[in-house]
Amino acid sequence: MRRSADQLSGDVSLVYIAGNVVDAEKAERALTAQGVDYVLSLEPFASTSLMRTREHTGLFVYVPTAQHRSCRELLERSGLTDTVGVDEDLPMEKPDGA
């Protein structure tokens, strides 16, 4: 279930970056259906092509670090491929960096 950063205690890790509303809603449905607490945060990210780097805004999905692996697998089974490995992200107390 979606929580605010203040409501989710302990370490959280980035598990998914949604680049559009359809994927964001799909991620929320999958996590909610499994009873996973998660935090959403709009954040900038960059994508690089052959010629240039472009800035975008995505919806970053954070989950408790202890549940990261199972959440990542759940999202991938749901067809969401822009997952982030726990080793690719530094866990932090709150996704807003506080």
PDB file of N, CA and C in Angstrom:
ATOM      1  N   MET A   1       0.839  -1.161   0.000  1.00  0.00           N
ATOM      2  CA  MET A   1       0.000   0.000   0.000  1.00  0.00           C
ATOM      3  C   MET A   1       0.893   1.236   0.000  1.00  0.00           C
ATOM      4  N   ARG A   2       0.470   2.244  -0.726  1.00  0.00           N
ATOM      5  CA  ARG A   2       1.285   3.456  -0.824  1.00  0.00           C
ATOM      6  C   ARG A   2       1.364   4.141   0.539  1.00  0.00           C
ATOM      7  N   ARG A   3       2.575   4.563   0.868  1.00  0.00           N
ATOM      8  CA  ARG A   3       2.848   5.261   2.126  1.00  0.00           C
ATOM      9  C   ARG A   3       3.586   6.561   1.820  1.00  0.00           C
ATOM     10  N   SER A   4       3.594   7.451   2.778  1.00  0.00           N
ATOM     11  CA  SER A   4       4.455   8.627   2.657  1.00  0.00           C
ATOM     12  C   SER A   4       5.833   8.224   3.158  1.00  0.00           C
ATOM     13  N   ALA A   5       6.826   9.008   2.839  1.00  0.00           N
ATOM     14  CA  ALA A   5       8.188   8.699   3.268  1.00  0.00           C
ATOM     15  C   ALA A   5       8.274   8.610   4.787  1.00  0.00           C
ATOM     16  N   ASP A   6       7.492   9.430   5.487  1.00  0.00           N
ATOM     17  CA  ASP A   6       7.501   9.418   6.950  1.00  0.00           C
ATOM     18  C   ASP A   6       6.874   8.155   7.525  1.00  0.00           C
ATOM     19  N   GLN A   7       5.952   7.551   6.796  1.00  0.00           N
ATOM     20  CA  GLN A   7       5.237   6.379   7.293  1.00  0.00           C
ATOM     21  C   GLN A   7       6.003   5.077   7.124  1.00  0.00           C
ATOM     22  N   LEU A   8       6.949   5.039   6.216  1.00  0.00           N
ATOM     23  CA  LEU A   8       7.688   3.804   5.949  1.00  0.00           C
ATOM     24  C   LEU A   8       8.957   3.814   6.780  1.00  0.00           C
ATOM     25  N   SER A   9       9.017   2.955   7.766  1.00  0.00           N
ATOM     26  CA  SER A   9      10.169   2.949   8.658  1.00  0.00           C
ATOM     27  C   SER A   9      11.269   2.037   8.123  1.00  0.00           C
ATOM     28  N   GLY A  10      12.487   2.305   8.537  1.00  0.00           N
ATOM     29  CA  GLY A  10      13.628   1.483   8.140  1.00  0.00           C
ATOM     30  C   GLY A  10      14.192   1.897   6.796  1.00  0.00           C
ATOM     31  N   ASP A  11      15.146   1.110   6.321  1.00  0.00           N
ATOM     32  CA  ASP A  11      15.808   1.396   5.053  1.00  0.00           C
ATOM     33  C   ASP A  11      14.883   1.092   3.881  1.00  0.00           C
ATOM     34  N   VAL A  12      14.902   1.964   2.893  1.00  0.00           N
ATOM     35  CA  VAL A  12      14.174   1.727   1.656  1.00  0.00           C
ATOM     36  C   VAL A  12      15.157   1.785   0.496  1.00  0.00           C
ATOM     37  N   SER A  13      14.805   1.094  -0.578  1.00  0.00           N
ATOM     38  CA  SER A  13      15.654   1.042  -1.763  1.00  0.00           C
ATOM     39  C   SER A  13      14.812   1.272  -3.003  1.00  0.00           C
ATOM     40  N   LEU A  14      15.404   1.934  -3.967  1.00  0.00           N
ATOM     41  CA  LEU A  14      14.758   2.136  -5.257  1.00  0.00           C
ATOM     42  C   LEU A  14      14.627   0.794  -5.962  1.00  0.00           C
ATOM     43  N   VAL A  15      13.406   0.473  -6.407  1.00  0.00           N
ATOM     44  CA  VAL A  15      13.181  -0.801  -7.081  1.00  0.00           C
ATOM     45  C   VAL A  15      12.710  -0.608  -8.522  1.00  0.00           C
ATOM     46  N   TYR A  16      12.115   0.541  -8.833  1.00  0.00           N
ATOM     47  CA  TYR A  16      11.537   0.716 -10.167  1.00  0.00           C
ATOM     48  C   TYR A  16      11.432   2.194 -10.516  1.00  0.00           C
ATOM     49  N   ILE A  17      11.604   2.508 -11.798  1.00  0.00           N
ATOM     50  CA  ILE A  17      11.405   3.856 -12.316  1.00  0.00           C
ATOM     51  C   ILE A  17      10.369   3.775 -13.421  1.00  0.00           C
ATOM     52  N   ALA A  18       9.218   4.415 -13.186  1.00  0.00           N
ATOM     53  CA  ALA A  18       8.150   4.445 -14.192  1.00  0.00           C
ATOM     54  C   ALA A  18       8.304   5.712 -15.017  1.00  0.00           C
ATOM     55  N   GLY A  19       8.357   5.563 -16.321  1.00  0.00           N
ATOM     56  CA  GLY A  19       8.502   6.703 -17.210  1.00  0.00           C
ATOM     57  C   GLY A  19       7.179   7.241 -17.720  1.00  0.00           C
ATOM     58  N   ASN A  20       6.076   6.525 -17.421  1.00  0.00           N
ATOM     59  CA  ASN A  20       4.761   6.999 -17.860  1.00  0.00           C
ATOM     60  C   ASN A  20       3.697   6.561 -16.853  1.00  0.00           C
ATOM     61  N   VAL A  21       2.523   7.144 -16.988  1.00  0.00           N
ATOM     62  CA  VAL A  21       1.437   6.903 -16.034  1.00  0.00           C
ATOM     63  C   VAL A  21       0.966   5.455 -16.080  1.00  0.00           C
ATOM     64  N   VAL A  22       0.886   4.875 -17.253  1.00  0.00           N
ATOM     65  CA  VAL A  22       0.409   3.492 -17.384  1.00  0.00           C
ATOM     66  C   VAL A  22       1.300   2.539 -16.581  1.00  0.00           C
ATOM     67  N   ASP A  23       2.617   2.683 -16.733  1.00  0.00           N
ATOM     68  CA  ASP A  23       3.545   1.812 -16.004  1.00  0.00           C
ATOM     69  C   ASP A  23       3.520   2.098 -14.506  1.00  0.00           C
ATOM     70  N   ALA A  24       3.374   3.351 -14.136  1.00  0.00           N
ATOM     71  CA  ALA A  24       3.296   3.699 -12.710  1.00  0.00           C
ATOM     72  C   ALA A  24       2.081   3.042 -12.068  1.00  0.00           C
ATOM     73  N   GLU A  25       0.938   3.118 -12.736  1.00  0.00           N
ATOM     74  CA  GLU A  25      -0.273   2.503 -12.205  1.00  0.00           C
ATOM     75  C   GLU A  25      -0.152   0.982 -12.148  1.00  0.00           C
ATOM     76  N   LYS A  26       0.498   0.399 -13.126  1.00  0.00           N
ATOM     77  CA  LYS A  26       0.704  -1.053 -13.146  1.00  0.00           C
ATOM     78  C   LYS A  26       1.582  -1.480 -11.969  1.00  0.00           C
ATOM     79  N   ALA A  27       2.623  -0.715 -11.695  1.00  0.00           N
ATOM     80  CA  ALA A  27       3.506  -1.022 -10.567  1.00  0.00           C
ATOM     81  C   ALA A  27       2.740  -0.898  -9.253  1.00  0.00           C
ATOM     82  N   GLU A  28       1.956   0.156  -9.124  1.00  0.00           N
ATOM     83  CA  GLU A  28       1.169   0.337  -7.899  1.00  0.00           C
ATOM     84  C   GLU A  28       0.194  -0.812  -7.695  1.00  0.00           C
ATOM     85  N   ARG A  29      -0.497  -1.214  -8.746  1.00  0.00           N
ATOM     86  CA  ARG A  29      -1.458  -2.330  -8.628  1.00  0.00           C
ATOM     87  C   ARG A  29      -0.758  -3.615  -8.195  1.00  0.00           C
ATOM     88  N   ALA A  30       0.386  -3.901  -8.808  1.00  0.00           N
ATOM     89  CA  ALA A  30       1.111  -5.141  -8.489  1.00  0.00           C
ATOM     90  C   ALA A  30       1.567  -5.151  -7.034  1.00  0.00           C
ATOM     91  N   LEU A  31       2.141  -4.051  -6.575  1.00  0.00           N
ATOM     92  CA  LEU A  31       2.642  -3.988  -5.196  1.00  0.00           C
ATOM     93  C   LEU A  31       1.487  -4.001  -4.196  1.00  0.00           C
ATOM     94  N   THR A  32       0.425  -3.264  -4.483  1.00  0.00           N
ATOM     95  CA  THR A  32      -0.726  -3.219  -3.584  1.00  0.00           C
ATOM     96  C   THR A  32      -1.389  -4.588  -3.480  1.00  0.00           C
ATOM     97  N   ALA A  33      -1.518  -5.283  -4.602  1.00  0.00           N
ATOM     98  CA  ALA A  33      -2.139  -6.613  -4.601  1.00  0.00           C
ATOM     99  C   ALA A  33      -1.381  -7.596  -3.718  1.00  0.00           C
ATOM    100  N   GLN A  34      -0.080  -7.387  -3.584  1.00  0.00           N
ATOM    101  CA  GLN A  34       0.746  -8.278  -2.753  1.00  0.00           C
ATOM    102  C   GLN A  34       0.903  -7.755  -1.334  1.00  0.00           C
ATOM    103  N   GLY A  35       0.273  -6.644  -1.021  1.00  0.00           N
ATOM    104  CA  GLY A  35       0.347  -6.091   0.331  1.00  0.00           C
ATOM    105  C   GLY A  35       1.668  -5.446   0.680  1.00  0.00           C
ATOM    106  N   VAL A  36       2.399  -4.984  -0.330  1.00  0.00           N
ATOM    107  CA  VAL A  36       3.705  -4.370  -0.115  1.00  0.00           C
ATOM    108  C   VAL A  36       3.533  -2.878   0.180  1.00  0.00           C
ATOM    109  N   ASP A  37       4.202  -2.402   1.203  1.00  0.00           N
ATOM    110  CA  ASP A  37       4.266  -0.970   1.466  1.00  0.00           C
ATOM    111  C   ASP A  37       5.336  -0.375   0.568  1.00  0.00           C
ATOM    112  N   TYR A  38       5.038   0.780  -0.030  1.00  0.00           N
ATOM    113  CA  TYR A  38       5.977   1.420  -0.937  1.00  0.00           C
ATOM    114  C   TYR A  38       5.802   2.930  -0.872  1.00  0.00           C
ATOM    115  N   VAL A  39       6.811   3.633  -1.364  1.00  0.00           N
ATOM    116  CA  VAL A  39       6.816   5.089  -1.414  1.00  0.00           C
ATOM    117  C   VAL A  39       7.052   5.508  -2.862  1.00  0.00           C
ATOM    118  N   LEU A  40       6.317   6.525  -3.313  1.00  0.00           N
ATOM    119  CA  LEU A  40       6.490   7.076  -4.653  1.00  0.00           C
ATOM    120  C   LEU A  40       7.128   8.454  -4.564  1.00  0.00           C
ATOM    121  N   SER A  41       7.990   8.764  -5.523  1.00  0.00           N
ATOM    122  CA  SER A  41       8.657  10.056  -5.541  1.00  0.00           C
ATOM    123  C   SER A  41       8.925  10.470  -6.986  1.00  0.00           C
ATOM    124  N   LEU A  42       8.442  11.649  -7.390  1.00  0.00           N
ATOM    125  CA  LEU A  42       8.773  12.189  -8.712  1.00  0.00           C
ATOM    126  C   LEU A  42      10.191  12.727  -8.673  1.00  0.00           C
ATOM    127  N   GLU A  43      11.036  12.230  -9.578  1.00  0.00           N
ATOM    128  CA  GLU A  43      12.438  12.623  -9.567  1.00  0.00           C
ATOM    129  C   GLU A  43      12.966  12.700 -10.990  1.00  0.00           C
ATOM    130  N   PRO A  44      13.978  13.533 -11.217  1.00  0.00           N
ATOM    131  CA  PRO A  44      14.586  13.607 -12.541  1.00  0.00           C
ATOM    132  C   PRO A  44      15.519  12.413 -12.777  1.00  0.00           C
ATOM    133  N   PHE A  45      15.625  12.024 -14.048  1.00  0.00           N
ATOM    134  CA  PHE A  45      16.615  11.021 -14.431  1.00  0.00           C
ATOM    135  C   PHE A  45      17.050  11.309 -15.856  1.00  0.00           C
ATOM    136  N   ALA A  46      18.162  10.754 -16.249  1.00  0.00           N
ATOM    137  CA  ALA A  46      18.705  10.996 -17.583  1.00  0.00           C
ATOM    138  C   ALA A  46      18.725   9.702 -18.385  1.00  0.00           C
ATOM    139  N   SER A  47      18.476   9.821 -19.680  1.00  0.00           N
ATOM    140  CA  SER A  47      18.645   8.693 -20.592  1.00  0.00           C
ATOM    141  C   SER A  47      19.648   9.120 -21.648  1.00  0.00           C
ATOM    142  N   THR A  48      20.466   8.177 -22.056  1.00  0.00           N
ATOM    143  CA  THR A  48      21.517   8.484 -23.021  1.00  0.00           C
ATOM    144  C   THR A  48      21.287   7.688 -24.297  1.00  0.00           C
ATOM    145  N   SER A  49      21.321   8.374 -25.422  1.00  0.00           N
ATOM    146  CA  SER A  49      21.260   7.719 -26.720  1.00  0.00           C
ATOM    147  C   SER A  49      22.611   7.909 -27.398  1.00  0.00           C
ATOM    148  N   LEU A  50      22.706   7.526 -28.640  1.00  0.00           N
ATOM    149  CA  LEU A  50      23.978   7.648 -29.352  1.00  0.00           C
ATOM    150  C   LEU A  50      24.461   9.091 -29.442  1.00  0.00           C
ATOM    151  N   MET A  51      23.529  10.012 -29.555  1.00  0.00           N
ATOM    152  CA  MET A  51      23.910  11.392 -29.820  1.00  0.00           C
ATOM    153  C   MET A  51      23.848  12.318 -28.609  1.00  0.00           C
ATOM    154  N   ARG A  52      22.996  12.011 -27.621  1.00  0.00           N
ATOM    155  CA  ARG A  52      22.846  12.965 -26.531  1.00  0.00           C
ATOM    156  C   ARG A  52      22.236  12.338 -25.287  1.00  0.00           C
ATOM    157  N   THR A  53      22.323  13.092 -24.222  1.00  0.00           N
ATOM    158  CA  THR A  53      21.697  12.719 -22.962  1.00  0.00           C
ATOM    159  C   THR A  53      20.465  13.601 -22.791  1.00  0.00           C
ATOM    160  N   ARG A  54      19.351  12.994 -22.423  1.00  0.00           N
ATOM    161  CA  ARG A  54      18.102  13.728 -22.234  1.00  0.00           C
ATOM    162  C   ARG A  54      17.645  13.607 -20.792  1.00  0.00           C
ATOM    163  N   GLU A  55      17.111  14.680 -20.281  1.00  0.00           N
ATOM    164  CA  GLU A  55      16.569  14.711 -18.929  1.00  0.00           C
ATOM    165  C   GLU A  55      15.077  14.390 -18.978  1.00  0.00           C
ATOM    166  N   HIS A  56      14.608  13.596 -18.029  1.00  0.00           N
ATOM    167  CA  HIS A  56      13.200  13.215 -17.910  1.00  0.00           C
ATOM    168  C   HIS A  56      12.803  13.302 -16.445  1.00  0.00           C
ATOM    169  N   THR A  57      11.522  13.206 -16.204  1.00  0.00           N
ATOM    170  CA  THR A  57      11.018  13.052 -14.848  1.00  0.00           C
ATOM    171  C   THR A  57      10.312  11.712 -14.791  1.00  0.00           C
ATOM    172  N   GLY A  58      10.625  10.923 -13.786  1.00  0.00           N
ATOM    173  CA  GLY A  58      10.002   9.620 -13.634  1.00  0.00           C
ATOM    174  C   GLY A  58       9.439   9.457 -12.242  1.00  0.00           C
ATOM    175  N   LEU A  59       8.599   8.476 -12.103  1.00  0.00           N
ATOM    176  CA  LEU A  59       8.055   8.147 -10.798  1.00  0.00           C
ATOM    177  C   LEU A  59       8.913   7.020 -10.230  1.00  0.00           C
ATOM    178  N   PHE A  60       9.662   7.332  -9.195  1.00  0.00           N
ATOM    179  CA  PHE A  60      10.554   6.373  -8.568  1.00  0.00           C
ATOM    180  C   PHE A  60       9.776   5.627  -7.489  1.00  0.00           C
ATOM    181  N   VAL A  61       9.904   4.318  -7.485  1.00  0.00           N
ATOM    182  CA  VAL A  61       9.201   3.474  -6.531  1.00  0.00           C
ATOM    183  C   VAL A  61      10.223   2.885  -5.562  1.00  0.00           C
ATOM    184  N   TYR A  62      10.019   3.174  -4.287  1.00  0.00           N
ATOM    185  CA  TYR A  62      10.894   2.665  -3.228  1.00  0.00           C
ATOM    186  C   TYR A  62      10.139   1.651  -2.389  1.00  0.00           C
ATOM    187  N   VAL A  63      10.842   0.592  -1.993  1.00  0.00           N
ATOM    188  CA  VAL A  63      10.274  -0.454  -1.128  1.00  0.00           C
ATOM    189  C   VAL A  63      11.246  -0.709   0.020  1.00  0.00           C
ATOM    190  N   PRO A  64      10.768  -1.366   1.088  1.00  0.00           N
ATOM    191  CA  PRO A  64      11.704  -1.729   2.157  1.00  0.00           C
ATOM    192  C   PRO A  64      12.840  -2.583   1.580  1.00  0.00           C
ATOM    193  N   THR A  65      14.052  -2.269   1.950  1.00  0.00           N
ATOM    194  CA  THR A  65      15.206  -2.981   1.414  1.00  0.00           C
ATOM    195  C   THR A  65      15.097  -4.486   1.620  1.00  0.00           C
ATOM    196  N   ALA A  66      14.540  -4.900   2.736  1.00  0.00           N
ATOM    197  CA  ALA A  66      14.402  -6.333   3.019  1.00  0.00           C
ATOM    198  C   ALA A  66      13.477  -7.029   2.018  1.00  0.00           C
ATOM    199  N   GLN A  67      12.601  -6.293   1.348  1.00  0.00           N
ATOM    200  CA  GLN A  67      11.662  -6.869   0.381  1.00  0.00           C
ATOM    201  C   GLN A  67      12.058  -6.562  -1.062  1.00  0.00           C
ATOM    202  N   HIS A  68      13.195  -5.934  -1.247  1.00  0.00           N
ATOM    203  CA  HIS A  68      13.594  -5.469  -2.570  1.00  0.00           C
ATOM    204  C   HIS A  68      13.592  -6.585  -3.611  1.00  0.00           C
ATOM    205  N   ARG A  69      14.237  -7.683  -3.321  1.00  0.00           N
ATOM    206  CA  ARG A  69      14.374  -8.762  -4.314  1.00  0.00           C
ATOM    207  C   ARG A  69      13.019  -9.303  -4.738  1.00  0.00           C
ATOM    208  N   SER A  70      12.161  -9.591  -3.779  1.00  0.00           N
ATOM    209  CA  SER A  70      10.848 -10.147  -4.129  1.00  0.00           C
ATOM    210  C   SER A  70       9.997  -9.128  -4.882  1.00  0.00           C
ATOM    211  N   CYS A  71      10.114  -7.856  -4.529  1.00  0.00           N
ATOM    212  CA  CYS A  71       9.364  -6.809  -5.230  1.00  0.00           C
ATOM    213  C   CYS A  71       9.872  -6.645  -6.656  1.00  0.00           C
ATOM    214  N   ARG A  72      11.165  -6.700  -6.829  1.00  0.00           N
ATOM    215  CA  ARG A  72      11.742  -6.578  -8.172  1.00  0.00           C
ATOM    216  C   ARG A  72      11.263  -7.727  -9.054  1.00  0.00           C
ATOM    217  N   GLU A  73      11.276  -8.932  -8.519  1.00  0.00           N
ATOM    218  CA  GLU A  73      10.809 -10.088  -9.272  1.00  0.00           C
ATOM    219  C   GLU A  73       9.325  -9.968  -9.603  1.00  0.00           C
ATOM    220  N   LEU A  74       8.537  -9.489  -8.657  1.00  0.00           N
ATOM    221  CA  LEU A  74       7.105  -9.288  -8.866  1.00  0.00           C
ATOM    222  C   LEU A  74       6.860  -8.296 -10.010  1.00  0.00           C
ATOM    223  N   LEU A  75       7.559  -7.182  -9.987  1.00  0.00           N
ATOM    224  CA  LEU A  75       7.384  -6.177 -11.032  1.00  0.00           C
ATOM    225  C   LEU A  75       7.811  -6.708 -12.396  1.00  0.00           C
ATOM    226  N   GLU A  76       8.899  -7.442 -12.432  1.00  0.00           N
ATOM    227  CA  GLU A  76       9.363  -8.009 -13.701  1.00  0.00           C
ATOM    228  C   GLU A  76       8.374  -9.035 -14.238  1.00  0.00           C
ATOM    229  N   ARG A  77       7.791  -9.849 -13.359  1.00  0.00           N
ATOM    230  CA  ARG A  77       6.755 -10.806 -13.787  1.00  0.00           C
ATOM    231  C   ARG A  77       5.522 -10.072 -14.314  1.00  0.00           C
ATOM    232  N   SER A  78       5.316  -8.862 -13.846  1.00  0.00           N
ATOM    233  CA  SER A  78       4.187  -8.045 -14.299  1.00  0.00           C
ATOM    234  C   SER A  78       4.491  -7.310 -15.597  1.00  0.00           C
ATOM    235  N   GLY A  79       5.679  -7.535 -16.155  1.00  0.00           N
ATOM    236  CA  GLY A  79       6.052  -6.925 -17.426  1.00  0.00           C
ATOM    237  C   GLY A  79       6.734  -5.579 -17.313  1.00  0.00           C
ATOM    238  N   LEU A  80       7.116  -5.192 -16.109  1.00  0.00           N
ATOM    239  CA  LEU A  80       7.788  -3.906 -15.890  1.00  0.00           C
ATOM    240  C   LEU A  80       9.292  -4.150 -15.821  1.00  0.00           C
ATOM    241  N   THR A  81      10.006  -3.693 -16.825  1.00  0.00           N
ATOM    242  CA  THR A  81      11.419  -4.068 -16.968  1.00  0.00           C
ATOM    243  C   THR A  81      12.405  -3.023 -16.468  1.00  0.00           C
ATOM    244  N   ASP A  82      11.948  -1.826 -16.141  1.00  0.00           N
ATOM    245  CA  ASP A  82      12.875  -0.781 -15.695  1.00  0.00           C
ATOM    246  C   ASP A  82      13.134  -0.867 -14.197  1.00  0.00           C
ATOM    247  N   THR A  83      13.377  -2.098 -13.738  1.00  0.00           N
ATOM    248  CA  THR A  83      13.658  -2.289 -12.320  1.00  0.00           C
ATOM    249  C   THR A  83      15.103  -1.933 -12.026  1.00  0.00           C
ATOM    250  N   VAL A  84      15.387  -1.705 -10.760  1.00  0.00           N
ATOM    251  CA  VAL A  84      16.724  -1.330 -10.313  1.00  0.00           C
ATOM    252  C   VAL A  84      17.172  -2.354  -9.285  1.00  0.00           C
ATOM    253  N   GLY A  85      18.355  -2.921  -9.488  1.00  0.00           N
ATOM    254  CA  GLY A  85      18.899  -3.861  -8.531  1.00  0.00           C
ATOM    255  C   GLY A  85      19.322  -3.154  -7.255  1.00  0.00           C
ATOM    256  N   VAL A  86      19.220  -3.852  -6.148  1.00  0.00           N
ATOM    257  CA  VAL A  86      19.579  -3.234  -4.868  1.00  0.00           C
ATOM    258  C   VAL A  86      21.041  -2.815  -4.855  1.00  0.00           C
ATOM    259  N   ASP A  87      21.887  -3.510  -5.585  1.00  0.00           N
ATOM    260  CA  ASP A  87      23.298  -3.145  -5.654  1.00  0.00           C
ATOM    261  C   ASP A  87      23.538  -1.929  -6.545  1.00  0.00           C
ATOM    262  N   GLU A  88      22.524  -1.518  -7.323  1.00  0.00           N
ATOM    263  CA  GLU A  88      22.638  -0.340  -8.178  1.00  0.00           C
ATOM    264  C   GLU A  88      22.185   0.919  -7.464  1.00  0.00           C
ATOM    265  N   ASP A  89      21.652   0.770  -6.260  1.00  0.00           N
ATOM    266  CA  ASP A  89      21.079   1.891  -5.527  1.00  0.00           C
ATOM    267  C   ASP A  89      21.627   1.883  -4.111  1.00  0.00           C
ATOM    268  N   LEU A  90      21.866   3.044  -3.576  1.00  0.00           N
ATOM    269  CA  LEU A  90      22.269   3.135  -2.183  1.00  0.00           C
ATOM    270  C   LEU A  90      21.020   3.294  -1.332  1.00  0.00           C
ATOM    271  N   PRO A  91      20.739   2.352  -0.441  1.00  0.00           N
ATOM    272  CA  PRO A  91      19.550   2.500   0.396  1.00  0.00           C
ATOM    273  C   PRO A  91      19.627   3.785   1.207  1.00  0.00           C
ATOM    274  N   MET A  92      18.484   4.395   1.418  1.00  0.00           N
ATOM    275  CA  MET A  92      18.439   5.595   2.207  1.00  0.00           C
ATOM    276  C   MET A  92      17.221   5.559   3.106  1.00  0.00           C
ATOM    277  N   GLU A  93      17.267   6.341   4.145  1.00  0.00           N
ATOM    278  CA  GLU A  93      16.171   6.349   5.107  1.00  0.00           C
ATOM    279  C   GLU A  93      14.874   6.820   4.504  1.00  0.00           C
ATOM    280  N   LYS A  94      14.938   7.852   3.677  1.00  0.00           N
ATOM    281  CA  LYS A  94      13.739   8.414   3.065  1.00  0.00           C
ATOM    282  C   LYS A  94      14.058   8.755   1.622  1.00  0.00           C
ATOM    283  N   PRO A  95      13.138   8.501   0.669  1.00  0.00           N
ATOM    284  CA  PRO A  95      13.440   8.758  -0.730  1.00  0.00           C
ATOM    285  C   PRO A  95      13.668  10.227  -1.039  1.00  0.00           C
ATOM    286  N   ASP A  96      13.248  11.131  -0.185  1.00  0.00           N
ATOM    287  CA  ASP A  96      13.497  12.536  -0.456  1.00  0.00           C
ATOM    288  C   ASP A  96      14.876  12.973   0.011  1.00  0.00           C
ATOM    289  N   GLY A  97      15.663  12.018   0.478  1.00  0.00           N
ATOM    290  CA  GLY A  97      17.038  12.288   0.882  1.00  0.00           C
ATOM    291  C   GLY A  97      17.170  12.806   2.304  1.00  0.00           C
ATOM    292  N   ALA A  98      16.060  12.931   3.022  1.00  0.00           N
ATOM    293  CA  ALA A  98      16.089  13.450   4.390  1.00  0.00           C
ATOM    294  C   ALA A  98      16.588  12.413   5.359  1.00  0.00           C
TER     295      ALA A  98
END
